[in-house]
C-alpha atoms as a PDB file:
ATOM      1  CA  MET A   1       0.000   0.000   0.000  1.00  0.00           C
ATOM      2  CA  PRO A   2       1.211   3.570  -0.649  1.00  0.00           C
ATOM      3  CA  GLN A   3       2.503   5.754   2.146  1.00  0.00           C
ATOM      4  CA  LEU A   4      -0.205   8.401   2.302  1.00  0.00           C
ATOM      5  CA  HIS A   5       1.600  11.058   4.316  1.00  0.00           C
ATOM      6  CA  GLY A   6       5.270  10.526   3.526  1.00  0.00           C
ATOM      7  CA  SER A   7       7.833  13.056   2.392  1.00  0.00           C
ATOM      8  CA  LYS A   8       7.878  14.501  -1.095  1.00  0.00           C
ATOM      9  CA  LYS A   9      10.650  12.099  -2.015  1.00  0.00           C
ATOM     10  CA  GLU A  10       8.637   9.121  -0.764  1.00  0.00           C
ATOM     11  CA  LEU A  11       5.534  10.286  -2.610  1.00  0.00           C
ATOM     12  CA  GLU A  12       7.458  10.733  -5.862  1.00  0.00           C
ATOM     13  CA  PHE A  13       8.870   7.226  -5.439  1.00  0.00           C
ATOM     14  CA  GLU A  14       5.358   5.873  -4.908  1.00  0.00           C
ATOM     15  CA  LEU A  15       4.027   7.629  -8.011  1.00  0.00           C
ATOM     16  CA  ARG A  16       6.856   6.219 -10.115  1.00  0.00           C
ATOM     17  CA  ARG A  17       6.079   2.752  -8.798  1.00  0.00           C
ATOM     18  CA  ILE A  18       2.420   3.285  -9.743  1.00  0.00           C
ATOM     19  CA  PHE A  19       3.313   4.365 -13.259  1.00  0.00           C
ATOM     20  CA  GLU A  20       5.420   1.252 -13.740  1.00  0.00           C
ATOM     21  CA  LYS A  21       2.365  -0.817 -12.786  1.00  0.00           C
ATOM     22  CA  LEU A  22       0.173   1.102 -15.237  1.00  0.00           C
ATOM     23  CA  MET A  23       2.668   0.570 -18.032  1.00  0.00           C
ATOM     24  CA  PHE A  24       3.806  -2.987 -17.458  1.00  0.00           C
ATOM     25  CA  GLY A  25       1.648  -4.558 -14.736  1.00  0.00           C
ATOM     26  CA  SER A  26      -1.022  -7.251 -14.973  1.00  0.00           C
ATOM     27  CA  ARG A  27      -4.717  -6.350 -15.156  1.00  0.00           C
ATOM     28  CA  GLU A  28      -4.983  -6.662 -11.361  1.00  0.00           C
ATOM     29  CA  GLU A  29      -1.883  -4.525 -10.867  1.00  0.00           C
ATOM     30  CA  TYR A  30      -2.833  -1.637 -13.151  1.00  0.00           C
ATOM     31  CA  THR A  31      -6.409  -1.639 -11.824  1.00  0.00           C
ATOM     32  CA  GLU A  32      -5.060  -1.343  -8.287  1.00  0.00           C
ATOM     33  CA  ALA A  33      -2.577   1.325  -9.431  1.00  0.00           C
ATOM     34  CA  LYS A  34      -5.436   3.532 -10.649  1.00  0.00           C
ATOM     35  CA  ARG A  35      -7.198   3.129  -7.308  1.00  0.00           C
ATOM     36  CA  GLN A  36      -4.007   4.108  -5.504  1.00  0.00           C
ATOM     37  CA  ILE A  37      -3.713   7.302  -7.539  1.00  0.00           C
ATOM     38  CA  GLU A  38      -7.193   8.396  -6.428  1.00  0.00           C
ATOM     39  CA  LYS A  39      -6.526   7.395  -2.828  1.00  0.00           C
ATOM     40  CA  LEU A  40      -3.256   9.312  -2.702  1.00  0.00           C
ATOM     41  CA  TRP A  41      -4.836  12.404  -4.175  1.00  0.00           C
ATOM     42  CA  HIS A  42      -7.824  12.417  -1.825  1.00  0.00           C
ATOM     43  CA  THR A  43      -5.737  11.681   1.267  1.00  0.00           C
ATOM     44  CA  SER A  44      -2.722  13.922   0.651  1.00  0.00           C
ATOM     45  CA  ARG A  45      -3.860  16.442  -1.942  1.00  0.00           C
ATOM     46  CA  ARG A  46      -1.312  19.186  -1.308  1.00  0.00           C
ATOM     47  CA  GLY A  47       1.605  16.770  -1.361  1.00  0.00           C
ATOM     48  CA  PHE A  48       0.206  14.968  -4.405  1.00  0.00           C
ATOM     49  CA  ASP A  49      -0.185  18.217  -6.336  1.00  0.00           C
ATOM     50  CA  GLY A  50       3.426  19.095  -5.623  1.00  0.00           C
ATOM     51  CA  CYS A  51       4.642  15.768  -7.023  1.00  0.00           C
ATOM     52  CA  ALA A  52       2.239  15.412  -9.945  1.00  0.00           C
ATOM     53  CA  VAL A  53       4.845  16.672 -12.416  1.00  0.00           C
ATOM     54  CA  VAL A  54       6.393  13.190 -12.169  1.00  0.00           C
ATOM     55  CA  ALA A  55       3.747  12.100 -14.691  1.00  0.00           C
ATOM     56  CA  LEU A  56       5.422  14.162 -17.409  1.00  0.00           C
ATOM     57  CA  GLU A  57       8.483  11.912 -17.227  1.00  0.00           C
ATOM     58  CA  TYR A  58       6.382   8.983 -18.452  1.00  0.00           C
ATOM     59  CA  LEU A  59       4.599  10.543 -21.435  1.00  0.00           C
ATOM     60  CA  PRO A  60       7.640  10.131 -23.746  1.00  0.00           C
ATOM     61  CA  ARG A  61       7.796   6.479 -22.686  1.00  0.00           C
ATOM     62  CA  PHE A  62       4.294   5.648 -23.912  1.00  0.00           C
ATOM     63  CA  ASP A  63       5.620   3.733 -26.922  1.00  0.00           C
ATOM     64  CA  GLU A  64       7.464   1.379 -24.562  1.00  0.00           C
ATOM     65  CA  ILE A  65       4.107  -0.023 -23.418  1.00  0.00           C
ATOM     66  CA  LYS A  66       3.570  -3.317 -25.219  1.00  0.00           C
ATOM     67  CA  THR A  67      -0.100  -4.143 -24.658  1.00  0.00           C
ATOM     68  CA  VAL A  68      -3.239  -2.231 -25.610  1.00  0.00           C
ATOM     69  CA  GLU A  69      -4.679  -2.917 -22.159  1.00  0.00           C
ATOM     70  CA  ASN A  70      -1.734  -1.229 -20.443  1.00  0.00           C
ATOM     71  CA  GLN A  71      -1.786   1.657 -22.910  1.00  0.00           C
ATOM     72  CA  ALA A  72      -5.460   2.278 -22.141  1.00  0.00           C
ATOM     73  CA  ALA A  73      -4.805   1.956 -18.397  1.00  0.00           C
ATOM     74  CA  PHE A  74      -1.951   4.450 -18.675  1.00  0.00           C
ATOM     75  CA  CYS A  75      -4.172   6.977 -20.463  1.00  0.00           C
ATOM     76  CA  SER A  76      -7.048   6.652 -18.002  1.00  0.00           C
ATOM     77  CA  GLY A  77      -4.614   6.767 -15.082  1.00  0.00           C
ATOM     78  CA  LEU A  78      -3.499  10.239 -16.204  1.00  0.00           C
ATOM     79  CA  SER A  79      -6.885  11.803 -15.458  1.00  0.00           C
ATOM     80  CA  ILE A  80      -6.045  13.427 -12.109  1.00  0.00           C
ATOM     81  CA  PHE A  81      -2.645  14.509 -13.432  1.00  0.00           C
ATOM     82  CA  TYR A  82      -4.374  16.317 -16.317  1.00  0.00           C
ATOM     83  CA  LEU A  83      -6.547  18.104 -13.768  1.00  0.00           C
ATOM     84  CA  ILE A  84      -3.511  19.259 -11.788  1.00  0.00           C
ATOM     85  CA  LEU A  85      -1.088  19.971 -14.639  1.00  0.00           C
ATOM     86  CA  GLY A  86      -3.432  21.223 -17.366  1.00  0.00           C
ATOM     87  CA  ASP A  87      -2.871  24.924 -16.672  1.00  0.00           C
ATOM     88  CA  ASP A  88       0.923  25.032 -16.467  1.00  0.00           C
ATOM     89  CA  HIS A  89       1.815  22.168 -18.819  1.00  0.00           C
ATOM     90  CA  PHE A  90      -0.916  22.506 -21.410  1.00  0.00           C
ATOM     91  CA  GLU A  91       1.254  22.118 -24.521  1.00  0.00           C
ATOM     92  CA  ILE A  92       2.865  18.868 -23.340  1.00  0.00           C
ATOM     93  CA  LEU A  93      -0.489  17.332 -22.421  1.00  0.00           C
ATOM     94  CA  LYS A  94      -2.125  18.578 -25.622  1.00  0.00           C
ATOM     95  CA  ASN A  95       0.565  17.004 -27.794  1.00  0.00           C
ATOM     96  CA  PHE A  96       0.280  13.686 -25.990  1.00  0.00           C
ATOM     97  CA  THR A  97      -3.518  13.801 -26.277  1.00  0.00           C
ATOM     98  CA  LEU A  98      -3.471  14.348 -30.032  1.00  0.00           C
ATOM     99  CA  LYS A  99      -0.983  11.518 -30.433  1.00  0.00           C
ATOM    100  CA  ALA A 100      -3.049   9.068 -28.364  1.00  0.00           C
ATOM    101  CA  LEU A 101      -6.290  10.102 -30.086  1.00  0.00           C
ATOM    102  CA  GLN A 102      -4.758   8.792 -33.320  1.00  0.00           C
ATOM    103  CA  HIS A 103      -3.925   5.398 -31.800  1.00  0.00           C
ATOM    104  CA  PRO A 104      -5.218   2.503 -33.936  1.00  0.00           C
ATOM    105  CA  HIS A 105      -7.059   0.890 -31.006  1.00  0.00           C
ATOM    106  CA  GLY A 106     -10.388   2.298 -29.849  1.00  0.00           C
ATOM    107  CA  HIS A 107      -9.898   1.500 -26.136  1.00  0.00           C
ATOM    108  CA  VAL A 108      -6.809   3.688 -26.038  1.00  0.00           C
ATOM    109  CA  ARG A 109      -8.513   6.529 -27.905  1.00  0.00           C
ATOM    110  CA  GLU A 110     -11.550   6.432 -25.636  1.00  0.00           C
ATOM    111  CA  SER A 111      -9.392   6.411 -22.498  1.00  0.00           C
ATOM    112  CA  ILE A 112      -7.406   9.484 -23.510  1.00  0.00           C
ATOM    113  CA  ARG A 113     -10.529  11.263 -24.758  1.00  0.00           C
ATOM    114  CA  LYS A 114     -12.142  10.959 -21.344  1.00  0.00           C
ATOM    115  CA  THR A 115      -8.933  12.001 -19.584  1.00  0.00           C
ATOM    116  CA  ALA A 116      -8.519  15.003 -21.902  1.00  0.00           C
ATOM    117  CA  ASP A 117     -11.859  16.345 -20.741  1.00  0.00           C
ATOM    118  CA  TRP A 118      -9.764  18.025 -18.037  1.00  0.00           C
ATOM    119  CA  LEU A 119      -7.913  19.965 -20.759  1.00  0.00           C
ATOM    120  CA  CYS A 120     -11.237  21.361 -21.892  1.00  0.00           C
ATOM    121  CA  TYR A 121     -12.004  22.296 -18.288  1.00  0.00           C
ATOM    122  CA  SER A 122      -8.604  23.977 -17.907  1.00  0.00           C
ATOM    123  CA  LEU A 123      -9.028  26.008 -21.100  1.00  0.00           C
ATOM    124  CA  SER A 124     -12.563  27.099 -20.222  1.00  0.00           C
ATOM    125  CA  GLU A 125     -11.595  28.210 -16.721  1.00  0.00           C
ATOM    126  CA  ARG A 126      -8.526  30.154 -17.859  1.00  0.00           C
ATOM    127  CA  ALA A 127     -10.087  31.647 -20.996  1.00  0.00           C
ATOM    128  CA  ASP A 128     -13.087  33.008 -19.113  1.00  0.00           C
ATOM    129  CA  THR A 129     -11.571  34.048 -15.801  1.00  0.00           C
ATOM    130  CA  LEU A 130     -14.021  34.641 -12.983  1.00  0.00           C
ATOM    131  CA  VAL A 131     -13.250  37.541 -10.657  1.00  0.00           C
ATOM    132  CA  TYR A 132     -14.734  38.415  -7.286  1.00  0.00           C
ATOM    133  CA  PRO A 133     -16.437  40.658  -6.464  1.00  0.00           C
ATOM    134  CA  GLU A 134     -18.327  40.981  -9.738  1.00  0.00           C
ATOM    135  CA  GLY A 135     -17.122  43.919 -11.788  1.00  0.00           C
ATOM    136  CA  LYS A 136     -13.578  43.829 -10.447  1.00  0.00           C
ATOM    137  CA  LYS A 137     -11.007  44.283 -13.207  1.00  0.00           C
ATOM    138  CA  LEU A 138      -8.485  41.584 -14.074  1.00  0.00           C
ATOM    139  CA  SER A 139      -4.878  42.154 -13.032  1.00  0.00           C
ATOM    140  CA  GLU A 140      -2.271  42.463 -15.781  1.00  0.00           C
ATOM    141  CA  GLN A 141      -1.057  38.950 -14.929  1.00  0.00           C
ATOM    142  CA  GLN A 142      -4.596  37.604 -15.236  1.00  0.00           C
ATOM    143  CA  LYS A 143      -5.067  39.376 -18.572  1.00  0.00           C
ATOM    144  CA  VAL A 144      -1.896  37.778 -19.965  1.00  0.00           C
ATOM    145  CA  ALA A 145      -2.928  34.324 -18.709  1.00  0.00           C
ATOM    146  CA  GLN A 146      -6.417  34.764 -20.156  1.00  0.00           C
ATOM    147  CA  ALA A 147      -5.095  35.839 -23.561  1.00  0.00           C
ATOM    148  CA  GLU A 148      -2.739  32.838 -23.620  1.00  0.00           C
ATOM    149  CA  ALA A 149      -5.574  30.442 -22.754  1.00  0.00           C
ATOM    150  CA  ARG A 150      -7.831  31.889 -25.433  1.00  0.00           C
ATOM    151  CA  SER A 151      -5.100  31.467 -28.016  1.00  0.00           C
ATOM    152  CA  GLN A 152      -4.465  27.889 -26.845  1.00  0.00           C
ATOM    153  CA  TYR A 153      -8.174  27.094 -27.065  1.00  0.00           C
ATOM    154  CA  LEU A 154      -8.645  28.396 -30.613  1.00  0.00           C
ATOM    155  CA  ASP A 155      -5.360  26.886 -31.805  1.00  0.00           C
ATOM    156  CA  LEU A 156      -6.250  23.448 -30.413  1.00  0.00           C
ATOM    157  CA  VAL A 157      -9.564  23.437 -32.265  1.00  0.00           C
ATOM    158  CA  LYS A 158      -7.761  24.444 -35.474  1.00  0.00           C
ATOM    159  CA  GLU A 159      -5.131  21.738 -34.972  1.00  0.00           C
ATOM    160  CA  ILE A 160      -7.786  19.046 -34.560  1.00  0.00           C
ATOM    161  CA  GLU A 161      -9.590  20.292 -37.676  1.00  0.00           C
ATOM    162  CA  ALA A 162      -6.340  20.150 -39.654  1.00  0.00           C
ATOM    163  CA  ILE A 163      -5.767  16.517 -38.607  1.00  0.00           C
ATOM    164  CA  ILE A 164      -9.349  15.575 -39.496  1.00  0.00           C
ATOM    165  CA  ASP A 165      -8.965  17.192 -42.924  1.00  0.00           C
ATOM    166  CA  GLN A 166      -6.028  14.865 -43.646  1.00  0.00           C
ATOM    167  CA  LEU A 167      -8.071  11.735 -42.918  1.00  0.00           C
ATOM    168  CA  ASP A 168     -10.280   9.752 -45.290  1.00  0.00           C
ATOM    169  CA  PRO A 169     -12.947  12.239 -46.500  1.00  0.00           C
ATOM    170  CA  ASP A 170     -15.469   9.417 -46.950  1.00  0.00           C
ATOM    171  CA  GLN A 171     -15.634   9.133 -43.164  1.00  0.00           C
ATOM    172  CA  ASN A 172     -17.031  12.664 -42.960  1.00  0.00           C
ATOM    173  CA  ASN A 173     -20.208  11.815 -44.898  1.00  0.00           C
ATOM    174  CA  PHE A 174     -22.338  11.565 -41.762  1.00  0.00           C
ATOM    175  CA  GLU A 175     -24.806  14.081 -40.392  1.00  0.00           C
ATOM    176  CA  TYR A 176     -24.075  13.104 -36.779  1.00  0.00           C
ATOM    177  CA  ILE A 177     -20.851  11.989 -35.133  1.00  0.00           C
ATOM    178  CA  GLY A 178     -22.747   9.189 -33.393  1.00  0.00           C
ATOM    179  CA  GLU A 179     -23.475   7.619 -36.782  1.00  0.00           C
ATOM    180  CA  MET A 180     -19.787   7.181 -37.564  1.00  0.00           C
ATOM    181  CA  LYS A 181     -18.093   3.818 -37.189  1.00  0.00           C
ATOM    182  CA  PRO A 182     -15.353   3.604 -34.502  1.00  0.00           C
ATOM    183  CA  SER A 183     -12.254   5.229 -35.982  1.00  0.00           C
ATOM    184  CA  VAL A 184      -9.537   7.795 -35.380  1.00  0.00           C
ATOM    185  CA  ASN A 185     -11.729  10.288 -37.226  1.00  0.00           C
ATOM    186  CA  LYS A 186     -14.662   9.681 -34.889  1.00  0.00           C
ATOM    187  CA  SER A 187     -12.519  10.032 -31.748  1.00  0.00           C
ATOM    188  CA  LEU A 188     -11.105  13.330 -33.011  1.00  0.00           C
ATOM    189  CA  GLN A 189     -14.574  14.550 -33.976  1.00  0.00           C
ATOM    190  CA  GLN A 190     -15.880  13.693 -30.512  1.00  0.00           C
ATOM    191  CA  PHE A 191     -13.072  15.616 -28.821  1.00  0.00           C
ATOM    192  CA  TRP A 192     -13.569  18.507 -31.260  1.00  0.00           C
ATOM    193  CA  ALA A 193     -17.289  18.567 -30.418  1.00  0.00           C
ATOM    194  CA  ARG A 194     -16.533  18.596 -26.689  1.00  0.00           C
ATOM    195  CA  LEU A 195     -14.307  21.645 -27.139  1.00  0.00           C
ATOM    196  CA  THR A 196     -16.527  23.596 -29.517  1.00  0.00           C
ATOM    197  CA  GLU A 197     -19.849  23.052 -27.733  1.00  0.00           C
ATOM    198  CA  THR A 198     -18.845  24.971 -24.602  1.00  0.00           C
ATOM    199  CA  PRO A 199     -20.322  28.447 -24.011  1.00  0.00           C
ATOM    200  CA  VAL A 200     -16.773  29.752 -23.587  1.00  0.00           C
ATOM    201  CA  TYR A 201     -15.672  28.587 -27.050  1.00  0.00           C
ATOM    202  CA  LYS A 202     -18.805  29.966 -28.667  1.00  0.00           C
ATOM    203  CA  ARG A 203     -18.090  33.390 -27.161  1.00  0.00           C
ATOM    204  CA  LEU A 204     -14.459  33.214 -28.243  1.00  0.00           C
ATOM    205  CA  SER A 205     -15.265  32.261 -31.831  1.00  0.00           C
ATOM    206  CA  GLU A 206     -17.746  35.136 -32.051  1.00  0.00           C
ATOM    207  CA  GLN A 207     -15.250  37.639 -30.622  1.00  0.00           C
ATOM    208  CA  ARG A 208     -12.188  36.472 -32.523  1.00  0.00           C
ATOM    209  CA  LEU A 209     -10.852  38.887 -35.098  1.00  0.00           C
ATOM    210  CA  PRO A 210      -8.613  37.886 -38.008  1.00  0.00           C
ATOM    211  CA  SER A 211      -5.010  39.070 -37.874  1.00  0.00           C
ATOM    212  CA  PRO A 212      -3.582  41.210 -40.708  1.00  0.00           C
ATOM    213  CA  MET A 213      -1.623  38.156 -41.906  1.00  0.00           C
ATOM    214  CA  GLU A 214      -4.779  36.013 -41.938  1.00  0.00           C
ATOM    215  CA  ILE A 215      -6.557  38.699 -43.979  1.00  0.00           C
ATOM    216  CA  TYR A 216      -3.653  38.774 -46.432  1.00  0.00           C
ATOM    217  CA  LEU A 217      -3.615  34.978 -46.801  1.00  0.00           C
ATOM    218  CA  GLU A 218      -7.390  34.865 -47.239  1.00  0.00           C
ATOM    219  CA  ARG A 219      -7.147  37.546 -49.941  1.00  0.00           C
ATOM    220  CA  LYS A 220      -4.557  35.482 -51.828  1.00  0.00           C
ATOM    221  CA  ARG A 221      -6.761  32.393 -51.568  1.00  0.00           C
ATOM    222  CA  ILE A 222      -9.737  34.334 -52.928  1.00  0.00           C
ATOM    223  CA  GLU A 223      -7.704  35.741 -55.826  1.00  0.00           C
ATOM    224  CA  THR A 224      -6.634  32.199 -56.768  1.00  0.00           C
ATOM    225  CA  GLU A 225     -10.246  30.999 -56.655  1.00  0.00           C
ATOM    226  CA  ILE A 226     -11.421  33.969 -58.745  1.00  0.00           C
ATOM    227  CA  THR A 227      -8.882  33.126 -61.443  1.00  0.00           C
ATOM    228  CA  ALA A 228      -9.945  29.470 -61.432  1.00  0.00           C
ATOM    229  CA  MET A 229     -13.657  30.281 -61.571  1.00  0.00           C
ATOM    230  CA  LEU A 230     -13.247  32.797 -64.383  1.00  0.00           C
ATOM    231  CA  LYS A 231     -11.492  30.071 -66.330  1.00  0.00           C
ATOM    232  CA  SER A 232     -14.076  27.392 -65.540  1.00  0.00           C
ATOM    233  CA  THR A 233     -16.973  29.660 -66.538  1.00  0.00           C
ATOM    234  CA  LYS A 234     -15.104  30.744 -69.683  1.00  0.00           C
ATOM    235  CA  SER A 235     -15.563  34.368 -68.707  1.00  0.00           C
ATOM    236  CA  ASP A 236     -14.216  37.201 -70.851  1.00  0.00           C
ATOM    237  CA  TYR A 237     -13.102  38.996 -67.674  1.00  0.00           C
ATOM    238  CA  SER A 238      -9.804  38.748 -65.749  1.00  0.00           C
ATOM    239  CA  LEU A 239      -8.795  38.843 -62.099  1.00  0.00           C
ATOM    240  CA  HIS A 240      -7.775  42.477 -62.624  1.00  0.00           C
ATOM    241  CA  ASP A 241     -11.278  43.309 -63.898  1.00  0.00           C
ATOM    242  CA  VAL A 242     -12.921  41.808 -60.806  1.00  0.00           C
ATOM    243  CA  CYS A 243     -10.509  43.477 -58.368  1.00  0.00           C
ATOM    244  CA  ASP A 244     -10.894  46.826 -60.147  1.00  0.00           C
ATOM    245  CA  ALA A 245     -14.696  46.606 -60.061  1.00  0.00           C
ATOM    246  CA  ILE A 246     -14.625  45.935 -56.313  1.00  0.00           C
ATOM    247  CA  PHE A 247     -12.108  48.714 -55.735  1.00  0.00           C
ATOM    248  CA  ARG A 248     -14.234  51.271 -57.602  1.00  0.00           C
ATOM    249  CA  GLU A 249     -17.629  50.153 -56.248  1.00  0.00           C
ATOM    250  CA  GLU A 250     -20.100  52.879 -55.333  1.00  0.00           C
ATOM    251  CA  ASP A 251     -23.249  50.990 -54.347  1.00  0.00           C
ATOM    252  CA  ASN A 252     -24.605  47.461 -53.860  1.00  0.00           C
ATOM    253  CA  ASP A 253     -25.630  47.232 -57.524  1.00  0.00           C
ATOM    254  CA  ASP A 254     -21.932  46.905 -58.300  1.00  0.00           C
ATOM    255  CA  MET A 255     -21.918  43.501 -56.577  1.00  0.00           C
ATOM    256  CA  MET A 256     -24.522  42.246 -59.038  1.00  0.00           C
ATOM    257  CA  ARG A 257     -22.370  43.448 -61.917  1.00  0.00           C
ATOM    258  CA  ILE A 258     -19.424  41.499 -60.481  1.00  0.00           C
ATOM    259  CA  ILE A 259     -21.564  38.361 -60.180  1.00  0.00           C
ATOM    260  CA  ALA A 260     -22.489  38.811 -63.859  1.00  0.00           C
ATOM    261  CA  MET A 261     -18.770  38.562 -64.748  1.00  0.00           C
ATOM    262  CA  PHE A 262     -18.925  34.887 -63.709  1.00  0.00           C
ATOM    263  CA  ASP A 263     -22.537  33.896 -64.379  1.00  0.00           C
ATOM    264  CA  ARG A 264     -23.089  31.975 -67.595  1.00  0.00           C
ATOM    265  CA  GLY A 265     -26.594  30.817 -66.723  1.00  0.00           C
ATOM    266  CA  GLY A 266     -25.443  27.648 -64.963  1.00  0.00           C
ATOM    267  CA  ASP A 267     -27.346  25.569 -62.419  1.00  0.00           C
ATOM    268  CA  THR A 268     -28.276  26.588 -58.875  1.00  0.00           C
ATOM    269  CA  GLU A 269     -25.149  25.029 -57.350  1.00  0.00           C
ATOM    270  CA  GLU A 270     -22.863  26.991 -59.694  1.00  0.00           C
ATOM    271  CA  LEU A 271     -24.672  30.247 -58.888  1.00  0.00           C
ATOM    272  CA  SER A 272     -24.392  29.521 -55.168  1.00  0.00           C
ATOM    273  CA  ASN A 273     -20.610  29.033 -55.518  1.00  0.00           C
ATOM    274  CA  ILE A 274     -20.327  32.293 -57.447  1.00  0.00           C
ATOM    275  CA  LEU A 275     -22.297  34.201 -54.802  1.00  0.00           C
ATOM    276  CA  GLU A 276     -20.119  32.790 -52.035  1.00  0.00           C
ATOM    277  CA  LEU A 277     -16.890  33.689 -53.837  1.00  0.00           C
ATOM    278  CA  VAL A 278     -18.032  37.215 -54.757  1.00  0.00           C
ATOM    279  CA  THR A 279     -19.126  37.844 -51.170  1.00  0.00           C
ATOM    280  CA  ASP A 280     -15.721  36.739 -49.892  1.00  0.00           C
ATOM    281  CA  ALA A 281     -13.995  38.908 -52.498  1.00  0.00           C
ATOM    282  CA  TRP A 282     -16.144  41.908 -51.551  1.00  0.00           C
ATOM    283  CA  ASN A 283     -15.172  41.498 -47.877  1.00  0.00           C
ATOM    284  CA  TYR A 284     -11.439  40.868 -48.332  1.00  0.00           C
ATOM    285  CA  LEU A 285     -10.379  42.889 -51.401  1.00  0.00           C
ATOM    286  CA  PRO A 286      -9.582  46.622 -51.224  1.00  0.00           C
ATOM    287  CA  HIS A 287     -12.246  49.323 -51.751  1.00  0.00           C
ATOM    288  CA  LYS A 288     -11.455  52.890 -52.764  1.00  0.00           C
ATOM    289  CA  ALA A 289     -14.314  54.101 -50.538  1.00  0.00           C
ATOM    290  CA  LEU A 290     -12.497  52.566 -47.530  1.00  0.00           C
ATOM    291  CA  ASP A 291      -9.199  54.331 -48.273  1.00  0.00           C
ATOM    292  CA  GLY A 292      -7.853  51.298 -50.085  1.00  0.00           C
ATOM    293  CA  LYS A 293      -8.698  48.869 -47.274  1.00  0.00           C
ATOM    294  CA  SER A 294     -10.994  45.866 -47.350  1.00  0.00           C
ATOM    295  CA  PRO A 295     -14.088  45.698 -45.094  1.00  0.00           C
ATOM    296  CA  ALA A 296     -12.298  42.996 -43.070  1.00  0.00           C
ATOM    297  CA  GLU A 297      -9.296  45.286 -42.517  1.00  0.00           C
ATOM    298  CA  LYS A 298     -11.527  48.240 -41.677  1.00  0.00           C
ATOM    299  CA  PHE A 299     -13.496  46.227 -39.146  1.00  0.00           C
ATOM    300  CA  LEU A 300     -10.282  45.033 -37.505  1.00  0.00           C
ATOM    301  CA  GLU A 301      -9.015  48.617 -37.374  1.00  0.00           C
ATOM    302  CA  ILE A 302     -12.220  49.830 -35.683  1.00  0.00           C
ATOM    303  CA  GLN A 303     -12.227  47.003 -33.140  1.00  0.00           C
ATOM    304  CA  ASN A 304      -8.613  47.681 -32.194  1.00  0.00           C
ATOM    305  CA  GLU A 305      -9.526  51.287 -31.444  1.00  0.00           C
ATOM    306  CA  ILE A 306     -12.303  50.322 -29.034  1.00  0.00           C
END
């Protein structure tokens, strides 16, 4: 049995012994190891929290674990450590989570997905800092920590989306995640849904403004798509013609004239694609009436002045 009130050195030794059981022990041993983690934490919480960083030593050793059962036990055994370490060691835990979520075996993926729920909790708490009494302003330190958490939250969602985009697109042809067959894609989608369904994330995504670099990159993407669509519709107009028309616009009727540069009387789907592209171009390309800025740039400028 673990020594519940020993020194820090003794507690660290006990945690290392527990991790060895999670990684290489029998079913009885790793099951007992997980119980010991909870017992240690509940009985000696302050001491446990001070030694929890020991868990980080074992994350790089995950590939040493030979059996799926031990890998799943290891991931589920990390739950309390994620709770304690999620704020200060977010990047390390995030990277391990994304790796384990792409494990070929479903038991491992499900174990880490449940454990990583504490990462979502950490992000939500730090990104939407509560202060008391109500109305009290955040300290400069709290503002920095909050900004970092918000960036981490949005970046994690983007990173998961990028991984999903690289997977088999046929697996995305489902209206609901629950309809998907067990797969890496489904596990990532479930974790993505957990992150994006929180009230905190919804507020962040509504408040988030594009950076000048993101506006520039989006403009280049739109220009490439305009060129491709002009070619596919066999239009007599060029990219320069479209950009010039947007730059010199004077009223909303000009948008209809720009749409006419692409429209060849195609089907509803083609018209919908044209409308979407012209709307994007209108928002991201420069307008003379806005001093040579795009509406996206102007909006960002106004928000930064508030």
